Every structure is written in structure tokens, then in C-alpha cells.
């Protein structure tokens, strides 16, 4: 099974992303709590500023915890195969595009999220 087909929801809004970094969970005390239970969403920079606005609101001290749902699809028809849910996720880092006049690259943005817990269920 390929995992090339997936959807990401942040709270109630679906966000198109190119990639989601490796999902992980750690037992308490096994790692530095400042570097555990995080995931990075990466996508082409567009005029959609929802990820940046979420980061900005968090940076301003607002309580912005949201559940993030990552749905693996069994193919392009969109039938859910696996579902991961990141509980109480908050953005902790936002990175904008790198500009280089000599490169032929797509402008990308990234947001790193930290979350309290993760759950995984099969949709079948």
C-alpha cells in the first residue's frame, strides 16, 4: 500500500499539504520533552494564510490548541484506510519560503506542531 494519498484536518478545516513528517510518540522520560511529540506540515506557499494565522495567534499567547487529523487513503478514490489524531496540537515554529533567483523551486512553507497525545485507528 502506498501512502501517497492523504488528507489533513486542523480542527474543522481541511488543509492541503505536500508532506507530513514522521509521526511518533514517546513514553514519558524517554526523551527531552522539548523535542518530543512534534510533526511538521509542509506545503506550497499560497495566499491561504490559515497556518500562519494559527501560528501568529499562538505566538500572541492565545489558547490555540486544536486536534489535527491525518487520514491515509487507500487510493485516489479517497476511501479512508488509517486515521491518526494529534490531540491538543499547537504550532511552535513557522518557516516561510527560501528565495533564490537562480533556482527553479516552488516556494514552500512549513509549520511544526507539538501535540499532547496521538491515537491511531483503522477505518475498516
PDB file of N, CA and C in Angstrom:
ATOM      1  N   UNK A   1       0.836  -1.181   0.000  1.00  0.00           N
ATOM      2  CA  UNK A   1       0.000   0.000   0.000  1.00  0.00           C
ATOM      3  C   UNK A   1       0.880   1.244   0.000  1.00  0.00           C
ATOM      4  N   UNK A   2       0.626   2.134  -0.910  1.00  0.00           N
ATOM      5  CA  UNK A   2       1.296   3.435  -0.938  1.00  0.00           C
ATOM      6  C   UNK A   2       0.616   4.379   0.043  1.00  0.00           C
ATOM      7  N   UNK A   3       1.383   5.299   0.604  1.00  0.00           N
ATOM      8  CA  UNK A   3       0.771   6.302   1.464  1.00  0.00           C
ATOM      9  C   UNK A   3       0.822   7.678   0.808  1.00  0.00           C
ATOM     10  N   UNK A   4       0.717   7.703  -0.480  1.00  0.00           N
ATOM     11  CA  UNK A   4       0.782   8.963  -1.208  1.00  0.00           C
ATOM     12  C   UNK A   4      -0.520   9.750  -1.139  1.00  0.00           C
ATOM     13  N   UNK A   5      -1.589   9.092  -0.738  1.00  0.00           N
ATOM     14  CA  UNK A   5      -2.888   9.748  -0.706  1.00  0.00           C
ATOM     15  C   UNK A   5      -3.301   9.958   0.743  1.00  0.00           C
ATOM     16  N   UNK A   6      -3.461  11.224   1.122  1.00  0.00           N
ATOM     17  CA  UNK A   6      -3.830  11.532   2.497  1.00  0.00           C
ATOM     18  C   UNK A   6      -4.510  12.894   2.561  1.00  0.00           C
ATOM     19  N   UNK A   7      -5.183  13.114   3.679  1.00  0.00           N
ATOM     20  CA  UNK A   7      -5.828  14.400   3.957  1.00  0.00           C
ATOM     21  C   UNK A   7      -5.430  14.831   5.353  1.00  0.00           C
ATOM     22  N   UNK A   8      -5.395  16.149   5.560  1.00  0.00           N
ATOM     23  CA  UNK A   8      -5.067  16.700   6.866  1.00  0.00           C
ATOM     24  C   UNK A   8      -6.150  17.701   7.256  1.00  0.00           C
ATOM     25  N   UNK A   9      -6.682  17.532   8.452  1.00  0.00           N
ATOM     26  CA  UNK A   9      -7.643  18.483   9.001  1.00  0.00           C
ATOM     27  C   UNK A   9      -7.061  19.085  10.269  1.00  0.00           C
ATOM     28  N   UNK A  10      -7.104  20.411  10.355  1.00  0.00           N
ATOM     29  CA  UNK A  10      -6.699  21.141  11.548  1.00  0.00           C
ATOM     30  C   UNK A  10      -7.985  21.690  12.144  1.00  0.00           C
ATOM     31  N   UNK A  11      -8.405  21.121  13.265  1.00  0.00           N
ATOM     32  CA  UNK A  11      -9.722  21.470  13.785  1.00  0.00           C
ATOM     33  C   UNK A  11     -10.762  21.058  12.757  1.00  0.00           C
ATOM     34  N   UNK A  12     -11.584  22.013  12.315  1.00  0.00           N
ATOM     35  CA  UNK A  12     -12.630  21.725  11.331  1.00  0.00           C
ATOM     36  C   UNK A  12     -12.224  22.051   9.895  1.00  0.00           C
ATOM     37  N   UNK A  13     -11.025  22.594   9.702  1.00  0.00           N
ATOM     38  CA  UNK A  13     -10.647  22.998   8.342  1.00  0.00           C
ATOM     39  C   UNK A  13      -9.658  22.019   7.722  1.00  0.00           C
ATOM     40  N   UNK A  14      -9.973  21.615   6.491  1.00  0.00           N
ATOM     41  CA  UNK A  14      -9.065  20.752   5.751  1.00  0.00           C
ATOM     42  C   UNK A  14      -7.979  21.628   5.133  1.00  0.00           C
ATOM     43  N   UNK A  15      -6.738  21.203   5.294  1.00  0.00           N
ATOM     44  CA  UNK A  15      -5.581  21.949   4.796  1.00  0.00           C
ATOM     45  C   UNK A  15      -4.838  21.052   3.806  1.00  0.00           C
ATOM     46  N   UNK A  16      -4.607  21.538   2.605  1.00  0.00           N
ATOM     47  CA  UNK A  16      -3.815  20.789   1.635  1.00  0.00           C
ATOM     48  C   UNK A  16      -2.345  20.910   1.976  1.00  0.00           C
ATOM     49  N   UNK A  17      -1.677  19.780   2.139  1.00  0.00           N
ATOM     50  CA  UNK A  17      -0.241  19.777   2.418  1.00  0.00           C
ATOM     51  C   UNK A  17       0.459  18.800   1.482  1.00  0.00           C
ATOM     52  N   UNK A  18       1.723  19.088   1.217  1.00  0.00           N
ATOM     53  CA  UNK A  18       2.536  18.208   0.381  1.00  0.00           C
ATOM     54  C   UNK A  18       3.038  17.025   1.185  1.00  0.00           C
ATOM     55  N   UNK A  19       3.451  17.295   2.440  1.00  0.00           N
ATOM     56  CA  UNK A  19       4.017  16.214   3.239  1.00  0.00           C
ATOM     57  C   UNK A  19       3.771  16.438   4.723  1.00  0.00           C
ATOM     58  N   UNK A  20       3.768  15.333   5.434  1.00  0.00           N
ATOM     59  CA  UNK A  20       3.677  15.304   6.887  1.00  0.00           C
ATOM     60  C   UNK A  20       4.894  14.529   7.363  1.00  0.00           C
ATOM     61  N   UNK A  21       5.673  15.123   8.270  1.00  0.00           N
ATOM     62  CA  UNK A  21       6.859  14.411   8.756  1.00  0.00           C
ATOM     63  C   UNK A  21       6.443  13.171   9.543  1.00  0.00           C
ATOM     64  N   UNK A  22       7.409  12.361   9.874  1.00  0.00           N
ATOM     65  CA  UNK A  22       7.163  11.101  10.583  1.00  0.00           C
ATOM     66  C   UNK A  22       6.376  11.345  11.868  1.00  0.00           C
ATOM     67  N   UNK A  23       5.347  10.534  12.092  1.00  0.00           N
ATOM     68  CA  UNK A  23       4.564  10.595  13.324  1.00  0.00           C
ATOM     69  C   UNK A  23       5.264   9.757  14.388  1.00  0.00           C
ATOM     70  N   UNK A  24       5.236  10.236  15.626  1.00  0.00           N
ATOM     71  CA  UNK A  24       5.865   9.465  16.691  1.00  0.00           C
ATOM     72  C   UNK A  24       5.232   9.788  18.037  1.00  0.00           C
ATOM     73  N   UNK A  25       5.471   8.888  18.970  1.00  0.00           N
ATOM     74  CA  UNK A  25       5.017   9.044  20.341  1.00  0.00           C
ATOM     75  C   UNK A  25       6.104   8.453  21.215  1.00  0.00           C
ATOM     76  N   UNK A  26       6.312   9.033  22.372  1.00  0.00           N
ATOM     77  CA  UNK A  26       7.364   8.572  23.270  1.00  0.00           C
ATOM     78  C   UNK A  26       6.803   8.357  24.664  1.00  0.00           C
ATOM     79  N   UNK A  27       7.346   7.390  25.356  1.00  0.00           N
ATOM     80  CA  UNK A  27       6.976   7.160  26.749  1.00  0.00           C
ATOM     81  C   UNK A  27       7.622   8.246  27.584  1.00  0.00           C
ATOM     82  N   UNK A  28       6.895   8.772  28.572  1.00  0.00           N
ATOM     83  CA  UNK A  28       7.436   9.820  29.454  1.00  0.00           C
ATOM     84  C   UNK A  28       8.807   9.420  29.976  1.00  0.00           C
ATOM     85  N   UNK A  29       9.730  10.380  29.973  1.00  0.00           N
ATOM     86  CA  UNK A  29      11.062  10.167  30.494  1.00  0.00           C
ATOM     87  C   UNK A  29      12.040   9.575  29.499  1.00  0.00           C
ATOM     88  N   UNK A  30      11.575   9.212  28.291  1.00  0.00           N
ATOM     89  CA  UNK A  30      12.460   8.599  27.312  1.00  0.00           C
ATOM     90  C   UNK A  30      13.209   9.615  26.460  1.00  0.00           C
ATOM     91  N   UNK A  31      12.769  10.860  26.475  1.00  0.00           N
ATOM     92  CA  UNK A  31      13.425  11.887  25.650  1.00  0.00           C
ATOM     93  C   UNK A  31      13.203  13.252  26.275  1.00  0.00           C
ATOM     94  N   UNK A  32      13.953  14.195  25.839  1.00  0.00           N
ATOM     95  CA  UNK A  32      13.787  15.577  26.269  1.00  0.00           C
ATOM     96  C   UNK A  32      12.388  16.041  25.862  1.00  0.00           C
ATOM     97  N   UNK A  33      11.564  16.514  26.810  1.00  0.00           N
ATOM     98  CA  UNK A  33      10.195  16.906  26.459  1.00  0.00           C
ATOM     99  C   UNK A  33      10.115  18.065  25.475  1.00  0.00           C
ATOM    100  N   UNK A  34      11.196  18.815  25.307  1.00  0.00           N
ATOM    101  CA  UNK A  34      11.169  19.930  24.363  1.00  0.00           C
ATOM    102  C   UNK A  34      11.303  19.475  22.912  1.00  0.00           C
ATOM    103  N   UNK A  35      11.686  18.243  22.675  1.00  0.00           N
ATOM    104  CA  UNK A  35      11.862  17.778  21.297  1.00  0.00           C
ATOM    105  C   UNK A  35      10.972  16.600  20.963  1.00  0.00           C
ATOM    106  N   UNK A  36      10.027  16.279  21.813  1.00  0.00           N
ATOM    107  CA  UNK A  36       9.205  15.107  21.555  1.00  0.00           C
ATOM    108  C   UNK A  36       7.816  15.474  21.072  1.00  0.00           C
ATOM    109  N   UNK A  37       7.192  14.516  20.471  1.00  0.00           N
ATOM    110  CA  UNK A  37       5.817  14.614  20.035  1.00  0.00           C
ATOM    111  C   UNK A  37       5.565  15.867  19.195  1.00  0.00           C
ATOM    112  N   UNK A  38       6.289  15.944  18.100  1.00  0.00           N
ATOM    113  CA  UNK A  38       6.081  17.041  17.161  1.00  0.00           C
ATOM    114  C   UNK A  38       5.995  16.468  15.754  1.00  0.00           C
ATOM    115  N   UNK A  39       5.376  17.242  14.876  1.00  0.00           N
ATOM    116  CA  UNK A  39       5.222  16.856  13.484  1.00  0.00           C
ATOM    117  C   UNK A  39       5.310  18.137  12.663  1.00  0.00           C
ATOM    118  N   UNK A  40       5.808  18.030  11.438  1.00  0.00           N
ATOM    119  CA  UNK A  40       5.914  19.189  10.561  1.00  0.00           C
ATOM    120  C   UNK A  40       5.040  18.983   9.335  1.00  0.00           C
ATOM    121  N   UNK A  41       4.204  19.986   9.060  1.00  0.00           N
ATOM    122  CA  UNK A  41       3.387  20.007   7.851  1.00  0.00           C
ATOM    123  C   UNK A  41       4.084  20.898   6.839  1.00  0.00           C
ATOM    124  N   UNK A  42       4.193  20.436   5.604  1.00  0.00           N
ATOM    125  CA  UNK A  42       4.888  21.193   4.554  1.00  0.00           C
ATOM    126  C   UNK A  42       3.967  21.323   3.353  1.00  0.00           C
ATOM    127  N   UNK A  43       3.923  22.535   2.799  1.00  0.00           N
ATOM    128  CA  UNK A  43       3.069  22.752   1.629  1.00  0.00           C
ATOM    129  C   UNK A  43       3.583  23.936   0.817  1.00  0.00           C
ATOM    130  N   UNK A  44       3.098  24.033  -0.414  1.00  0.00           N
ATOM    131  CA  UNK A  44       3.442  25.168  -1.266  1.00  0.00           C
ATOM    132  C   UNK A  44       2.843  26.426  -0.657  1.00  0.00           C
ATOM    133  N   UNK A  45       3.618  27.508  -0.691  1.00  0.00           N
ATOM    134  CA  UNK A  45       3.125  28.791  -0.183  1.00  0.00           C
ATOM    135  C   UNK A  45       2.105  29.351  -1.177  1.00  0.00           C
ATOM    136  N   UNK A  46       0.919  29.640  -0.677  1.00  0.00           N
ATOM    137  CA  UNK A  46      -0.144  30.207  -1.495  1.00  0.00           C
ATOM    138  C   UNK A  46      -0.671  31.439  -0.775  1.00  0.00           C
ATOM    139  N   UNK A  47      -1.792  31.937  -1.195  1.00  0.00           N
ATOM    140  CA  UNK A  47      -2.407  33.064  -0.486  1.00  0.00           C
ATOM    141  C   UNK A  47      -3.223  32.602   0.719  1.00  0.00           C
ATOM    142  N   UNK A  48      -3.322  31.310   0.946  1.00  0.00           N
ATOM    143  CA  UNK A  48      -4.012  30.761   2.110  1.00  0.00           C
ATOM    144  C   UNK A  48      -3.119  30.941   3.329  1.00  0.00           C
ATOM    145  N   UNK A  49      -3.495  31.825   4.216  1.00  0.00           N
ATOM    146  CA  UNK A  49      -2.661  32.176   5.373  1.00  0.00           C
ATOM    147  C   UNK A  49      -3.140  31.531   6.670  1.00  0.00           C
ATOM    148  N   UNK A  50      -3.969  30.486   6.586  1.00  0.00           N
ATOM    149  CA  UNK A  50      -4.545  29.901   7.802  1.00  0.00           C
ATOM    150  C   UNK A  50      -3.496  29.295   8.724  1.00  0.00           C
ATOM    151  N   UNK A  51      -2.487  28.623   8.203  1.00  0.00           N
ATOM    152  CA  UNK A  51      -1.449  28.061   9.066  1.00  0.00           C
ATOM    153  C   UNK A  51      -0.628  29.155   9.732  1.00  0.00           C
ATOM    154  N   UNK A  52      -0.297  30.181   8.971  1.00  0.00           N
ATOM    155  CA  UNK A  52       0.456  31.289   9.551  1.00  0.00           C
ATOM    156  C   UNK A  52      -0.371  32.019  10.606  1.00  0.00           C
ATOM    157  N   UNK A  53      -1.654  32.231  10.344  1.00  0.00           N
ATOM    158  CA  UNK A  53      -2.530  32.911  11.312  1.00  0.00           C
ATOM    159  C   UNK A  53      -2.632  32.093  12.600  1.00  0.00           C
ATOM    160  N   UNK A  54      -2.704  30.767  12.489  1.00  0.00           N
ATOM    161  CA  UNK A  54      -2.743  29.906  13.667  1.00  0.00           C
ATOM    162  C   UNK A  54      -1.454  30.065  14.472  1.00  0.00           C
ATOM    163  N   UNK A  55      -0.320  30.053  13.771  1.00  0.00           N
ATOM    164  CA  UNK A  55       0.970  30.261  14.432  1.00  0.00           C
ATOM    165  C   UNK A  55       1.021  31.632  15.109  1.00  0.00           C
ATOM    166  N   UNK A  56       0.615  32.666  14.386  1.00  0.00           N
ATOM    167  CA  UNK A  56       0.634  34.036  14.926  1.00  0.00           C
ATOM    168  C   UNK A  56      -0.214  34.138  16.192  1.00  0.00           C
ATOM    169  N   UNK A  57      -1.412  33.572  16.163  1.00  0.00           N
ATOM    170  CA  UNK A  57      -2.284  33.615  17.335  1.00  0.00           C
ATOM    171  C   UNK A  57      -1.652  32.905  18.526  1.00  0.00           C
ATOM    172  N   UNK A  58      -0.986  31.785  18.276  1.00  0.00           N
ATOM    173  CA  UNK A  58      -0.302  31.057  19.344  1.00  0.00           C
ATOM    174  C   UNK A  58       0.830  31.896  19.909  1.00  0.00           C
ATOM    175  N   UNK A  59       1.584  32.524  19.022  1.00  0.00           N
ATOM    176  CA  UNK A  59       2.711  33.367  19.459  1.00  0.00           C
ATOM    177  C   UNK A  59       2.241  34.548  20.296  1.00  0.00           C
ATOM    178  N   UNK A  60       1.034  35.027  20.016  1.00  0.00           N
ATOM    179  CA  UNK A  60       0.468  36.144  20.780  1.00  0.00           C
ATOM    180  C   UNK A  60      -0.133  35.705  22.111  1.00  0.00           C
ATOM    181  N   UNK A  61       0.009  34.422  22.447  1.00  0.00           N
ATOM    182  CA  UNK A  61      -0.429  33.937  23.742  1.00  0.00           C
ATOM    183  C   UNK A  61      -1.857  33.424  23.802  1.00  0.00           C
ATOM    184  N   UNK A  62      -2.523  33.349  22.682  1.00  0.00           N
ATOM    185  CA  UNK A  62      -3.887  32.832  22.664  1.00  0.00           C
ATOM    186  C   UNK A  62      -3.864  31.314  22.807  1.00  0.00           C
ATOM    187  N   UNK A  63      -4.917  30.759  23.420  1.00  0.00           N
ATOM    188  CA  UNK A  63      -5.035  29.308  23.531  1.00  0.00           C
ATOM    189  C   UNK A  63      -5.540  28.789  22.194  1.00  0.00           C
ATOM    190  N   UNK A  64      -4.655  28.201  21.422  1.00  0.00           N
ATOM    191  CA  UNK A  64      -4.990  27.800  20.056  1.00  0.00           C
ATOM    192  C   UNK A  64      -4.947  26.287  19.856  1.00  0.00           C
ATOM    193  N   UNK A  65      -5.000  25.533  20.939  1.00  0.00           N
ATOM    194  CA  UNK A  65      -4.921  24.077  20.815  1.00  0.00           C
ATOM    195  C   UNK A  65      -6.032  23.562  19.905  1.00  0.00           C
ATOM    196  N   UNK A  66      -5.658  22.738  18.952  1.00  0.00           N
ATOM    197  CA  UNK A  66      -6.607  22.117  18.027  1.00  0.00           C
ATOM    198  C   UNK A  66      -6.220  20.672  17.838  1.00  0.00           C
ATOM    199  N   UNK A  67      -7.204  19.858  17.543  1.00  0.00           N
ATOM    200  CA  UNK A  67      -6.922  18.480  17.172  1.00  0.00           C
ATOM    201  C   UNK A  67      -6.605  18.453  15.682  1.00  0.00           C
ATOM    202  N   UNK A  68      -5.604  17.690  15.318  1.00  0.00           N
ATOM    203  CA  UNK A  68      -5.199  17.539  13.922  1.00  0.00           C
ATOM    204  C   UNK A  68      -5.431  16.084  13.530  1.00  0.00           C
ATOM    205  N   UNK A  69      -6.127  15.890  12.430  1.00  0.00           N
ATOM    206  CA  UNK A  69      -6.448  14.547  11.952  1.00  0.00           C
ATOM    207  C   UNK A  69      -5.751  14.308  10.624  1.00  0.00           C
ATOM    208  N   UNK A  70      -5.018  13.204  10.546  1.00  0.00           N
ATOM    209  CA  UNK A  70      -4.325  12.814   9.324  1.00  0.00           C
ATOM    210  C   UNK A  70      -4.957  11.514   8.859  1.00  0.00           C
ATOM    211  N   UNK A  71      -5.544  11.545   7.678  1.00  0.00           N
ATOM    212  CA  UNK A  71      -6.268  10.392   7.148  1.00  0.00           C
ATOM    213  C   UNK A  71      -5.504   9.826   5.962  1.00  0.00           C
ATOM    214  N   UNK A  72      -5.052   8.593   6.094  1.00  0.00           N
ATOM    215  CA  UNK A  72      -4.420   7.880   4.977  1.00  0.00           C
ATOM    216  C   UNK A  72      -5.538   7.284   4.137  1.00  0.00           C
ATOM    217  N   UNK A  73      -5.484   7.507   2.828  1.00  0.00           N
ATOM    218  CA  UNK A  73      -6.499   6.996   1.916  1.00  0.00           C
ATOM    219  C   UNK A  73      -5.955   5.783   1.185  1.00  0.00           C
ATOM    220  N   UNK A  74      -6.844   4.867   0.822  1.00  0.00           N
ATOM    221  CA  UNK A  74      -6.385   3.646   0.150  1.00  0.00           C
ATOM    222  C   UNK A  74      -6.154   3.841  -1.343  1.00  0.00           C
ATOM    223  N   UNK A  75      -6.305   5.043  -1.803  1.00  0.00           N
ATOM    224  CA  UNK A  75      -6.059   5.348  -3.209  1.00  0.00           C
ATOM    225  C   UNK A  75      -6.680   6.676  -3.557  1.00  0.00           C
ATOM    226  N   UNK A  76      -6.625   7.039  -4.825  1.00  0.00           N
ATOM    227  CA  UNK A  76      -7.139   8.338  -5.238  1.00  0.00           C
ATOM    228  C   UNK A  76      -8.650   8.480  -5.089  1.00  0.00           C
ATOM    229  N   UNK A  77      -9.361   7.374  -4.879  1.00  0.00           N
ATOM    230  CA  UNK A  77     -10.810   7.477  -4.710  1.00  0.00           C
ATOM    231  C   UNK A  77     -11.191   8.036  -3.348  1.00  0.00           C
ATOM    232  N   UNK A  78     -10.247   8.088  -2.432  1.00  0.00           N
ATOM    233  CA  UNK A  78     -10.482   8.759  -1.168  1.00  0.00           C
ATOM    234  C   UNK A  78     -11.100   7.925  -0.061  1.00  0.00           C
ATOM    235  N   UNK A  79     -11.026   6.591  -0.126  1.00  0.00           N
ATOM    236  CA  UNK A  79     -11.568   5.774   0.949  1.00  0.00           C
ATOM    237  C   UNK A  79     -10.568   5.739   2.108  1.00  0.00           C
ATOM    238  N   UNK A  80     -10.968   6.166   3.322  1.00  0.00           N
ATOM    239  CA  UNK A  80     -10.040   6.165   4.467  1.00  0.00           C
ATOM    240  C   UNK A  80      -9.531   4.767   4.791  1.00  0.00           C
ATOM    241  N   UNK A  81      -8.255   4.678   5.112  1.00  0.00           N
ATOM    242  CA  UNK A  81      -7.600   3.421   5.435  1.00  0.00           C
ATOM    243  C   UNK A  81      -7.111   3.422   6.880  1.00  0.00           C
ATOM    244  N   UNK A  82      -6.400   4.474   7.277  1.00  0.00           N
ATOM    245  CA  UNK A  82      -5.928   4.683   8.641  1.00  0.00           C
ATOM    246  C   UNK A  82      -6.186   6.134   9.025  1.00  0.00           C
ATOM    247  N   UNK A  83      -6.361   6.365  10.324  1.00  0.00           N
ATOM    248  CA  UNK A  83      -6.594   7.721  10.825  1.00  0.00           C
ATOM    249  C   UNK A  83      -5.728   7.934  12.062  1.00  0.00           C
ATOM    250  N   UNK A  84      -4.939   8.997  12.043  1.00  0.00           N
ATOM    251  CA  UNK A  84      -4.163   9.405  13.210  1.00  0.00           C
ATOM    252  C   UNK A  84      -4.726  10.718  13.707  1.00  0.00           C
ATOM    253  N   UNK A  85      -4.855  10.856  15.016  1.00  0.00           N
ATOM    254  CA  UNK A  85      -5.385  12.086  15.602  1.00  0.00           C
ATOM    255  C   UNK A  85      -4.371  12.610  16.606  1.00  0.00           C
ATOM    256  N   UNK A  86      -3.917  13.838  16.367  1.00  0.00           N
ATOM    257  CA  UNK A  86      -2.989  14.517  17.265  1.00  0.00           C
ATOM    258  C   UNK A  86      -3.823  15.404  18.175  1.00  0.00           C
ATOM    259  N   UNK A  87      -3.809  15.125  19.466  1.00  0.00           N
ATOM    260  CA  UNK A  87      -4.627  15.852  20.431  1.00  0.00           C
ATOM    261  C   UNK A  87      -3.901  17.106  20.914  1.00  0.00           C
ATOM    262  N   UNK A  88      -4.644  18.184  20.991  1.00  0.00           N
ATOM    263  CA  UNK A  88      -4.165  19.465  21.528  1.00  0.00           C
ATOM    264  C   UNK A  88      -2.868  19.923  20.865  1.00  0.00           C
ATOM    265  N   UNK A  89      -2.876  19.943  19.553  1.00  0.00           N
ATOM    266  CA  UNK A  89      -1.707  20.389  18.789  1.00  0.00           C
ATOM    267  C   UNK A  89      -1.645  21.912  18.757  1.00  0.00           C
ATOM    268  N   UNK A  90      -0.428  22.428  18.810  1.00  0.00           N
ATOM    269  CA  UNK A  90      -0.172  23.873  18.714  1.00  0.00           C
ATOM    270  C   UNK A  90       1.056  24.097  17.846  1.00  0.00           C
ATOM    271  N   UNK A  91       1.033  25.130  17.013  1.00  0.00           N
ATOM    272  CA  UNK A  91       2.242  25.428  16.227  1.00  0.00           C
ATOM    273  C   UNK A  91       3.331  26.018  17.117  1.00  0.00           C
ATOM    274  N   UNK A  92       4.560  25.564  16.912  1.00  0.00           N
ATOM    275  CA  UNK A  92       5.701  26.080  17.678  1.00  0.00           C
ATOM    276  C   UNK A  92       6.758  26.688  16.768  1.00  0.00           C
ATOM    277  N   UNK A  93       6.635  26.465  15.463  1.00  0.00           N
ATOM    278  CA  UNK A  93       7.593  27.049  14.514  1.00  0.00           C
ATOM    279  C   UNK A  93       6.908  27.169  13.172  1.00  0.00           C
ATOM    280  N   UNK A  94       7.107  28.301  12.535  1.00  0.00           N
ATOM    281  CA  UNK A  94       6.647  28.512  11.164  1.00  0.00           C
ATOM    282  C   UNK A  94       7.850  28.930  10.351  1.00  0.00           C
ATOM    283  N   UNK A  95       8.011  28.358   9.158  1.00  0.00           N
ATOM    284  CA  UNK A  95       9.098  28.741   8.248  1.00  0.00           C
ATOM    285  C   UNK A  95       8.492  29.088   6.907  1.00  0.00           C
ATOM    286  N   UNK A  96       8.911  30.216   6.382  1.00  0.00           N
ATOM    287  CA  UNK A  96       8.441  30.648   5.075  1.00  0.00           C
ATOM    288  C   UNK A  96       9.378  30.203   3.977  1.00  0.00           C
ATOM    289  N   UNK A  97       9.088  30.604   2.760  1.00  0.00           N
ATOM    290  CA  UNK A  97       9.873  30.152   1.607  1.00  0.00           C
ATOM    291  C   UNK A  97      11.291  30.716   1.599  1.00  0.00           C
ATOM    292  N   UNK A  98      12.148  29.969   0.937  1.00  0.00           N
ATOM    293  CA  UNK A  98      13.521  30.382   0.654  1.00  0.00           C
ATOM    294  C   UNK A  98      13.517  30.906  -0.781  1.00  0.00           C
ATOM    295  N   UNK A  99      14.013  32.112  -0.965  1.00  0.00           N
ATOM    296  CA  UNK A  99      14.010  32.699  -2.300  1.00  0.00           C
ATOM    297  C   UNK A  99      15.420  32.700  -2.878  1.00  0.00           C
ATOM    298  N   UNK A 100      15.538  32.185  -4.093  1.00  0.00           N
ATOM    299  CA  UNK A 100      16.812  32.145  -4.796  1.00  0.00           C
ATOM    300  C   UNK A 100      16.518  32.358  -6.278  1.00  0.00           C
ATOM    301  N   UNK A 101      16.971  33.490  -6.827  1.00  0.00           N
ATOM    302  CA  UNK A 101      16.676  33.834  -8.216  1.00  0.00           C
ATOM    303  C   UNK A 101      17.280  32.841  -9.211  1.00  0.00           C
ATOM    304  N   UNK A 102      18.276  32.084  -8.796  1.00  0.00           N
ATOM    305  CA  UNK A 102      18.918  31.135  -9.695  1.00  0.00           C
ATOM    306  C   UNK A 102      18.307  29.732  -9.622  1.00  0.00           C
ATOM    307  N   UNK A 103      17.424  29.520  -8.679  1.00  0.00           N
ATOM    308  CA  UNK A 103      16.817  28.195  -8.522  1.00  0.00           C
ATOM    309  C   UNK A 103      15.424  28.170  -9.146  1.00  0.00           C
ATOM    310  N   UNK A 104      15.032  27.020  -9.571  1.00  0.00           N
ATOM    311  CA  UNK A 104      13.701  26.824 -10.132  1.00  0.00           C
ATOM    312  C   UNK A 104      12.924  25.942  -9.154  1.00  0.00           C
ATOM    313  N   UNK A 105      12.486  26.545  -8.042  1.00  0.00           N
ATOM    314  CA  UNK A 105      11.849  25.802  -6.972  1.00  0.00           C
ATOM    315  C   UNK A 105      10.491  26.388  -6.628  1.00  0.00           C
ATOM    316  N   UNK A 106       9.647  25.571  -6.062  1.00  0.00           N
ATOM    317  CA  UNK A 106       8.354  26.023  -5.560  1.00  0.00           C
ATOM    318  C   UNK A 106       8.574  26.635  -4.185  1.00  0.00           C
ATOM    319  N   UNK A 107       7.966  27.785  -3.930  1.00  0.00           N
ATOM    320  CA  UNK A 107       8.047  28.421  -2.616  1.00  0.00           C
ATOM    321  C   UNK A 107       7.234  27.579  -1.634  1.00  0.00           C
ATOM    322  N   UNK A 108       7.858  27.186  -0.528  1.00  0.00           N
ATOM    323  CA  UNK A 108       7.224  26.300   0.441  1.00  0.00           C
ATOM    324  C   UNK A 108       7.111  26.987   1.798  1.00  0.00           C
ATOM    325  N   UNK A 109       6.111  26.558   2.578  1.00  0.00           N
ATOM    326  CA  UNK A 109       6.012  26.958   3.971  1.00  0.00           C
ATOM    327  C   UNK A 109       5.912  25.696   4.814  1.00  0.00           C
ATOM    328  N   UNK A 110       6.391  25.794   6.045  1.00  0.00           N
ATOM    329  CA  UNK A 110       6.326  24.687   6.983  1.00  0.00           C
ATOM    330  C   UNK A 110       5.820  25.195   8.318  1.00  0.00           C
ATOM    331  N   UNK A 111       5.074  24.343   8.997  1.00  0.00           N
ATOM    332  CA  UNK A 111       4.679  24.639  10.367  1.00  0.00           C
ATOM    333  C   UNK A 111       4.936  23.383  11.192  1.00  0.00           C
ATOM    334  N   UNK A 112       5.651  23.563  12.292  1.00  0.00           N
ATOM    335  CA  UNK A 112       5.909  22.457  13.209  1.00  0.00           C
ATOM    336  C   UNK A 112       4.888  22.521  14.326  1.00  0.00           C
ATOM    337  N   UNK A 113       4.299  21.383  14.624  1.00  0.00           N
ATOM    338  CA  UNK A 113       3.270  21.290  15.655  1.00  0.00           C
ATOM    339  C   UNK A 113       3.757  20.401  16.780  1.00  0.00           C
ATOM    340  N   UNK A 114       3.466  20.798  18.005  1.00  0.00           N
ATOM    341  CA  UNK A 114       3.649  19.909  19.154  1.00  0.00           C
ATOM    342  C   UNK A 114       2.269  19.495  19.620  1.00  0.00           C
ATOM    343  N   UNK A 115       2.156  18.280  20.083  1.00  0.00           N
ATOM    344  CA  UNK A 115       0.861  17.759  20.492  1.00  0.00           C
ATOM    345  C   UNK A 115       0.987  16.986  21.793  1.00  0.00           C
ATOM    346  N   UNK A 116      -0.158  16.884  22.487  1.00  0.00           N
ATOM    347  CA  UNK A 116      -0.168  16.236  23.798  1.00  0.00           C
ATOM    348  C   UNK A 116      -0.180  14.715  23.686  1.00  0.00           C
ATOM    349  N   UNK A 117      -0.963  14.181  22.757  1.00  0.00           N
ATOM    350  CA  UNK A 117      -1.036  12.732  22.596  1.00  0.00           C
ATOM    351  C   UNK A 117      -1.441  12.400  21.165  1.00  0.00           C
ATOM    352  N   UNK A 118      -1.260  11.143  20.809  1.00  0.00           N
ATOM    353  CA  UNK A 118      -1.608  10.683  19.471  1.00  0.00           C
ATOM    354  C   UNK A 118      -2.423   9.396  19.599  1.00  0.00           C
ATOM    355  N   UNK A 119      -3.401   9.256  18.727  1.00  0.00           N
ATOM    356  CA  UNK A 119      -4.155   7.996  18.653  1.00  0.00           C
ATOM    357  C   UNK A 119      -4.167   7.541  17.201  1.00  0.00           C
ATOM    358  N   UNK A 120      -4.349   6.249  17.018  1.00  0.00           N
ATOM    359  CA  UNK A 120      -4.320   5.657  15.677  1.00  0.00           C
ATOM    360  C   UNK A 120      -5.419   4.619  15.599  1.00  0.00           C
ATOM    361  N   UNK A 121      -6.215   4.722  14.559  1.00  0.00           N
ATOM    362  CA  UNK A 121      -7.254   3.716  14.353  1.00  0.00           C
ATOM    363  C   UNK A 121      -7.347   3.375  12.878  1.00  0.00           C
ATOM    364  N   UNK A 122      -7.748   2.167  12.618  1.00  0.00           N
ATOM    365  CA  UNK A 122      -8.017   1.753  11.247  1.00  0.00           C
ATOM    366  C   UNK A 122      -9.447   2.123  10.930  1.00  0.00           C
ATOM    367  N   UNK A 123      -9.676   2.537   9.724  1.00  0.00           N
ATOM    368  CA  UNK A 123     -11.021   2.959   9.338  1.00  0.00           C
ATOM    369  C   UNK A 123     -11.896   1.790   8.945  1.00  0.00           C
ATOM    370  N   UNK A 124     -11.299   0.655   8.716  1.00  0.00           N
ATOM    371  CA  UNK A 124     -12.093  -0.511   8.291  1.00  0.00           C
ATOM    372  C   UNK A 124     -12.579  -1.285   9.496  1.00  0.00           C
TER     373      UNK A 124
END
